[in-house]
């Protein structure tokens, strides 16, 4: 059996400086740059950390690489829209004028953006989402 001490999710970007500005200045995350351009560590309020590494031939995934549980998707959308962030719209999803899918995850709402590298970041405020994941 494999013994896992902790998780360390990772994803790539094509421009570390742009990623650092976006995750720090736009999303307000604590970001630490590693020496010699090795990557960035994103620290979430939950205590989780993510590693973002540079990849010259990076191609964004066709799926959400990071989903963040928030208290209020409307508040997040309003704040980020005020910073000039555009929200992604998907065919087949019933999204309102703000780009929010109502009742998306366990009765909560969801919305998506892309980072400067084209990685999709989702926000959800469904009350049960984290609990369901913990029970899986």
Foldseek 3Di string as FASTA:
>chain_A
DDDDPDDAAEDEFADQVQQCCCCCVQVNWDWDQDPPQQFIWTADPVRHIYTYGHDNPDDADPDASEEEEDQAVVVSLVSNVVVVFQWDADPPADADPSQKRACPPQRWIKTWGAGPRRHIYMYTHRPCVVVVVVVD
